[in-house]
Protein backbone atom coordinates (compact mmCIF):
# COMPACT_ATOMS: atom_id res chain seq x y z
CA UNK A 1 -15.97 0.75 -11.73
CA UNK A 2 -15.67 -2.39 -9.58
CA UNK A 3 -19.18 -3.04 -8.30
CA UNK A 4 -17.81 -5.38 -5.65
CA UNK A 5 -16.47 -2.45 -3.66
CA UNK A 6 -19.03 -1.05 -1.20
CA UNK A 7 -20.81 2.22 -1.86
CA UNK A 8 -18.13 4.14 0.03
CA UNK A 9 -15.41 2.91 -2.31
CA UNK A 10 -15.92 4.53 -5.72
CA UNK A 11 -12.33 4.14 -6.93
CA UNK A 12 -12.10 2.02 -10.10
CA UNK A 13 -10.58 -1.44 -9.98
CA UNK A 14 -7.85 -0.39 -12.41
CA UNK A 15 -6.24 2.98 -13.21
CA UNK A 16 -3.38 3.14 -15.73
CA UNK A 17 -0.70 5.79 -16.15
CA UNK A 18 2.65 6.11 -17.91
CA UNK A 19 5.90 7.15 -16.25
CA UNK A 20 8.36 7.81 -19.04
CA UNK A 21 8.63 4.52 -20.91
CA UNK A 22 6.91 2.53 -18.17
CA UNK A 23 3.24 1.66 -17.90
CA UNK A 24 1.89 1.40 -14.36
CA UNK A 25 -1.47 0.10 -13.19
CA UNK A 26 -3.01 1.07 -9.85
CA UNK A 27 -5.16 -1.88 -8.75
CA UNK A 28 -7.77 -1.29 -6.07
CA UNK A 29 -7.32 -4.57 -4.17
CA UNK A 30 -10.39 -3.96 -2.05
CA UNK A 31 -11.73 -1.66 0.60
CA UNK A 32 -11.64 -1.50 4.37
CA UNK A 33 -13.10 0.74 7.04
CA UNK A 34 -10.96 1.78 9.99
CA UNK A 35 -11.57 4.06 12.94
CA UNK A 36 -11.16 7.68 11.88
CA UNK A 37 -9.51 8.67 15.13
CA UNK A 38 -6.89 5.95 14.73
CA UNK A 39 -6.28 7.00 11.13
CA UNK A 40 -5.64 10.63 12.07
CA UNK A 41 -3.96 10.28 15.45
CA UNK A 42 -3.86 13.54 17.40
CA UNK A 43 -5.80 15.50 14.75
CA UNK A 44 -9.21 16.39 16.26
CA UNK A 45 -12.28 14.87 14.66
CA UNK A 46 -13.66 18.37 14.07
CA UNK A 47 -10.84 18.81 11.53
CA UNK A 48 -10.54 15.42 9.81
CA UNK A 49 -14.31 14.93 9.58
CA UNK A 50 -14.50 17.94 7.25
CA UNK A 51 -12.61 15.80 4.73
CA UNK A 52 -13.98 12.33 5.37
CA UNK A 53 -17.36 11.41 6.82
CA UNK A 54 -17.31 8.64 9.43
CA UNK A 55 -20.02 5.99 9.76
CA UNK A 56 -21.96 5.18 12.94
CA UNK A 57 -18.95 3.20 14.21
CA UNK A 58 -16.62 6.18 13.57
CA UNK A 59 -15.01 4.31 10.65
CA UNK A 60 -13.87 5.96 7.43
CA UNK A 61 -13.61 4.37 3.97
CA UNK A 62 -10.16 3.32 2.82
CA UNK A 63 -8.75 1.52 -0.19
CA UNK A 64 -5.99 -1.06 -0.56
CA UNK A 65 -4.34 0.17 -3.74
CA UNK A 66 -1.44 -1.86 -5.18
CA UNK A 67 0.76 -0.83 -8.10
CA UNK A 68 1.75 -3.04 -11.03
CA UNK A 69 4.71 -1.89 -13.12
CA UNK A 70 5.31 -3.19 -16.64
CA UNK A 71 9.10 -3.32 -16.58
CA UNK A 72 11.53 -4.63 -19.20
CA UNK A 73 12.86 -7.10 -16.62
CA UNK A 74 9.39 -8.42 -15.76
CA UNK A 75 6.28 -7.31 -13.91
CA UNK A 76 6.85 -5.63 -10.55
CA UNK A 77 4.01 -5.54 -7.99
CA UNK A 78 4.05 -3.12 -5.06
CA UNK A 79 2.13 -4.48 -2.06
CA UNK A 80 -0.50 -7.21 -2.25
CA UNK A 81 -3.58 -6.18 -0.26
CA UNK A 82 -5.27 -8.50 2.22
CA UNK A 83 -5.46 -11.82 0.38
CA UNK A 84 -7.98 -14.60 0.98
CA UNK A 85 -6.93 -16.12 4.30
CA UNK A 86 -8.93 -14.12 6.85
CA UNK A 87 -12.35 -15.17 8.13
CA UNK A 88 -15.74 -13.44 8.06
CA UNK A 89 -15.36 -12.10 11.62
CA UNK A 90 -12.11 -10.38 10.66
CA UNK A 91 -13.71 -8.89 7.54
CA UNK A 92 -16.58 -7.56 9.62
CA UNK A 93 -14.32 -5.95 12.25
CA UNK A 94 -12.26 -4.13 9.63
CA UNK A 95 -15.06 -3.54 7.13
CA UNK A 96 -13.18 -5.47 4.46
CA UNK A 97 -14.54 -6.10 0.98
CA UNK A 98 -12.03 -7.62 -1.42
CA UNK A 99 -13.94 -10.39 -3.16
CA UNK A 100 -13.44 -10.83 -6.88
CA UNK A 101 -15.02 -13.12 -9.46
CA UNK A 102 -15.05 -16.91 -9.12
CA UNK A 103 -13.45 -17.01 -5.64
CA UNK A 104 -10.62 -14.72 -6.71
CA UNK A 105 -9.63 -11.59 -4.84
CA UNK A 106 -10.00 -8.07 -6.20
CA UNK A 107 -6.22 -8.00 -6.69
CA UNK A 108 -6.41 -11.03 -8.96
CA UNK A 109 -9.26 -9.40 -10.88
CA UNK A 110 -7.13 -6.28 -11.27
CA UNK A 111 -4.20 -8.28 -12.60
CA UNK A 112 -6.51 -9.94 -15.09
CA UNK A 113 -8.00 -6.57 -16.13
CA UNK A 114 -4.45 -5.38 -16.87
CA UNK A 115 -3.91 -8.46 -19.02
CA UNK A 116 -1.85 -10.58 -16.62
CA UNK A 117 -2.01 -13.34 -14.01
CA UNK A 118 -0.14 -13.95 -10.76
CA UNK A 119 2.31 -16.18 -12.62
CA UNK A 120 3.42 -13.22 -14.76
CA UNK A 121 4.74 -11.26 -11.76
CA UNK A 122 8.52 -11.42 -11.39
CA UNK A 123 9.05 -9.22 -8.32
CA UNK A 124 6.83 -8.35 -5.35
CA UNK A 125 7.94 -5.41 -3.18
CA UNK A 126 6.30 -5.00 0.22
CA UNK A 127 6.44 -1.53 1.76
CA UNK A 128 6.09 -3.36 5.09
CA UNK A 129 4.48 -6.56 6.36
CA UNK A 130 1.23 -5.37 7.94
CA UNK A 131 -1.69 -7.61 6.98
CA UNK A 132 -3.28 -5.14 4.54
CA UNK A 133 -0.01 -4.73 2.61
CA UNK A 134 1.30 -8.30 2.56
CA UNK A 135 -1.82 -10.46 2.97
CA UNK A 136 -1.86 -11.28 -0.72
CA UNK A 137 1.73 -12.54 -0.59
CA UNK A 138 0.25 -15.96 0.11
CA UNK A 139 -3.09 -17.64 -0.44
CA UNK A 140 -5.13 -20.40 1.13
CA UNK A 141 -5.66 -23.18 -1.40
CA UNK A 142 -8.88 -25.22 -1.40
CA UNK A 143 -6.94 -27.92 0.44
CA UNK A 144 -6.34 -25.48 3.30
CA UNK A 145 -2.61 -25.23 2.59
CA UNK A 146 -1.15 -21.71 2.53
CA UNK A 147 1.19 -21.16 -0.42
CA UNK A 148 3.04 -18.25 -2.08
CA UNK A 149 0.62 -16.45 -4.41
CA UNK A 150 3.25 -15.45 -6.94
CA UNK A 151 5.00 -18.73 -7.67
CA UNK A 152 7.54 -17.35 -10.12
CA UNK A 153 8.36 -14.12 -8.30
CA UNK A 154 11.03 -12.94 -5.93
CA UNK A 155 9.69 -11.02 -2.94
CA UNK A 156 11.54 -8.10 -1.38
CA UNK A 157 11.32 -6.17 1.88
CA UNK A 158 13.70 -4.37 4.21
CA UNK A 159 15.57 -6.95 6.29
CA UNK A 160 14.78 -5.11 9.49
CA UNK A 161 11.05 -5.23 8.73
CA UNK A 162 11.00 -9.03 8.72
CA UNK A 163 12.86 -9.13 12.03
CA UNK A 164 10.44 -6.56 13.47
CA UNK A 165 7.46 -8.59 12.25
CA UNK A 166 8.86 -11.75 13.80
CA UNK A 167 9.33 -10.11 17.23
CA UNK A 168 6.04 -8.41 18.02
CA UNK A 169 4.75 -7.04 21.31
CA UNK A 170 1.35 -6.17 22.72
CA UNK A 171 1.26 -3.02 20.57
CA UNK A 172 2.30 -4.51 17.22
CA UNK A 173 1.06 -8.12 17.20
CA UNK A 174 -2.40 -7.27 15.82
CA UNK A 175 -0.85 -6.01 12.56
CA UNK A 176 1.50 -8.88 11.72
CA UNK A 177 0.29 -12.30 10.58
CA UNK A 178 3.11 -14.82 9.99
CA UNK A 179 1.09 -16.73 7.36
CA UNK A 180 1.65 -13.73 5.08
CA UNK A 181 5.40 -14.31 4.88
CA UNK A 182 6.31 -17.71 6.33
CA UNK A 183 5.31 -19.65 3.16
CA UNK A 184 7.36 -17.25 1.03
CA UNK A 185 10.41 -17.58 3.28
CA UNK A 186 10.01 -21.36 3.36
CA UNK A 187 9.91 -21.45 -0.44
CA UNK A 188 13.16 -19.46 -0.60
CA UNK A 189 11.50 -16.62 -2.52
CA UNK A 190 12.18 -13.70 -0.15
CA UNK A 191 15.10 -11.30 -0.67
CA UNK A 192 16.08 -8.61 1.82
CA UNK A 193 17.62 -5.18 1.36
CA UNK A 194 19.16 -2.78 3.84
CA UNK A 195 18.58 0.88 3.16
CA UNK A 196 18.00 2.64 -0.14
CA UNK A 197 18.65 0.47 -3.17
CA UNK A 198 17.80 0.36 -6.87
CA UNK A 199 16.23 -3.08 -7.20
CA UNK A 200 15.33 -2.86 -10.88
CA UNK A 201 16.51 -0.27 -13.39
CA UNK A 202 14.62 2.89 -12.40
CA UNK A 203 12.90 1.22 -9.40
CA UNK A 204 14.34 2.25 -6.03
CA UNK A 205 13.23 1.35 -2.52
CA UNK A 206 13.70 4.20 -0.04
CA UNK A 207 13.42 3.77 3.73
CA UNK A 208 10.66 6.03 5.08
CA UNK A 209 10.49 4.93 8.72
CA UNK A 210 7.93 5.91 11.32
CA UNK A 211 4.83 3.88 10.59
CA UNK A 212 7.11 0.95 11.30
CA UNK A 213 10.85 1.32 11.95
CA UNK A 214 11.68 -0.27 8.58
CA UNK A 215 8.86 0.96 6.36
CA UNK A 216 9.90 1.76 2.78
CA UNK A 217 8.38 3.70 -0.10
CA UNK A 218 9.12 2.93 -3.75
CA UNK A 219 10.33 5.47 -6.33
CA UNK A 220 9.99 4.81 -10.07
CA UNK A 221 11.96 6.93 -12.54
CA UNK A 222 11.83 6.79 -16.32
CA UNK A 223 12.25 9.31 -19.13
CA UNK A 224 12.69 12.24 -16.79
CA UNK A 225 9.50 11.48 -14.87
CA UNK A 226 9.16 10.22 -11.30
CA UNK A 227 6.40 8.39 -9.43
CA UNK A 228 6.43 7.57 -5.72
CA UNK A 229 4.38 4.80 -4.15
CA UNK A 230 4.02 6.12 -0.62
CA UNK A 231 2.76 3.07 1.26
CA UNK A 232 1.71 4.04 4.78
CA UNK A 233 4.01 7.05 5.03
CA UNK A 234 1.13 9.14 3.64
CA UNK A 235 -1.77 6.68 3.36
CA UNK A 236 -4.30 9.06 1.83
CA UNK A 237 -4.27 12.48 0.20
CA UNK A 238 -5.85 13.77 3.42
CA UNK A 239 -2.62 12.96 5.28
CA UNK A 240 -0.49 15.42 3.30
CA UNK A 241 -0.26 18.05 6.10
CA UNK A 242 2.95 17.22 7.95
CA UNK A 243 1.41 16.69 11.43
CA UNK A 244 -1.50 14.59 10.14
CA UNK A 245 -0.05 11.22 11.12
CA UNK A 246 -1.82 7.98 11.89
CA UNK A 247 -2.28 6.77 15.45
CA UNK A 248 -1.11 3.40 14.13
CA UNK A 249 2.43 4.75 13.56
CA UNK A 250 4.83 3.36 16.16
CA UNK A 251 7.25 6.29 15.81
CA UNK A 252 5.15 9.32 14.78
CA UNK A 253 7.93 11.87 15.21
CA UNK A 254 10.09 9.78 12.88
CA UNK A 255 7.19 9.70 10.42
CA UNK A 256 7.12 13.49 10.59
CA UNK A 257 10.73 13.75 9.45
CA UNK A 258 10.30 11.09 6.77
CA UNK A 259 7.33 13.04 5.39
CA UNK A 260 9.16 16.35 5.58
CA UNK A 261 12.11 15.10 3.53
CA UNK A 262 10.12 13.16 0.94
CA UNK A 263 7.46 15.80 0.30
CA UNK A 264 10.04 18.54 -0.12
CA UNK A 265 11.77 16.49 -2.81
CA UNK A 266 8.47 15.48 -4.41
CA UNK A 267 7.42 19.13 -4.70
CA UNK A 268 10.79 20.27 -6.00
CA UNK A 269 11.01 17.51 -8.63
CA UNK A 270 7.27 17.41 -9.50
CA UNK A 271 6.74 13.76 -8.62
CA UNK A 272 3.49 11.93 -9.23
CA UNK A 273 2.35 10.39 -5.94
CA UNK A 274 0.31 7.21 -5.37
CA UNK A 275 -1.91 7.04 -2.28
CA UNK A 276 -2.36 3.43 -1.24
CA UNK A 277 -5.28 3.79 1.17
CA UNK A 278 -7.22 6.65 -0.40
CA UNK A 279 -10.65 5.37 -1.41
CA UNK A 280 -11.10 8.15 -3.96
CA UNK A 281 -7.75 9.56 -5.10
CA UNK A 282 -5.17 7.25 -6.60
CA UNK A 283 -2.65 9.70 -8.08
CA UNK A 284 -1.76 13.32 -7.43
CA UNK A 285 0.87 16.06 -7.68
CA UNK A 286 1.82 18.49 -4.95
CA UNK A 287 1.57 22.18 -4.31
CA UNK A 288 2.46 24.19 -1.20
CA UNK A 289 0.53 27.30 -0.22
CA UNK A 290 3.12 28.59 2.24
CA UNK A 291 1.49 26.77 5.15
CA UNK A 292 0.79 23.20 4.07
CA UNK A 293 1.00 20.71 1.24
CA UNK A 294 -2.06 19.97 -0.86
CA UNK A 295 -2.82 18.43 -4.24
CA UNK A 296 -2.66 20.65 -7.28
CA UNK A 297 -3.82 17.81 -9.49
CA UNK A 298 -5.56 14.61 -8.45
CA UNK A 299 -6.98 11.65 -10.28
């Protein structure tokens, strides 16, 4: 248990699973608290509040779970949490707690708990470039300079996502912070893909648009087993019902179709799912009761 996460965030700092030959580590890179209404969109509070209790500010507890894959071609990290660049006012607004030991972040503590450091990571895959998924791409050094966190890694995102992040509007600007990717681009460490692509043996990025137009999920296959890192397509296990879609999604009807296709395949092929923002449930497998999807096994 990571005692630096607030009382509403009981998920352990590190959870380890195997997928065929691969070892994967889910790292709880901190917690945040966001408005429950925004997290569940058009779903009435009388329904979502049966699953998650809101605080006096109507906020619900959320995690920032990243996934570290021990791959033969080097460590692969999926998403990077919030990082260390935001100020106390920002942390208060979003209920953020991601402090680690000795001025490190919780993500760095998780890497260390798994037996590694940032310099051991060879590939960083961002599902998208919102601040709570790419904030740890870079870090603010004691000098004030902002530098790539993973000095020896390549970074990867859908090409359209970077363009979308660079051309924000009044609706999207609050989610995209250029300091999270500009230092990486300047260092020549960012690579860009278009569409579905196997980026390491058994590691495939799959476009799952809706939350953003170029959002991607990541599918890991090994030894006949499959794991899917969902990103913000299905941020928590409570978002499994098809119409339970975040108010933050810019194209919710596109999200609906992305969910429909992915969950049908996940059920059919018995995938293990990873929920990035669930404060309690890191992994789970699906069932369908004839009306809706739910977890048959969680942990």
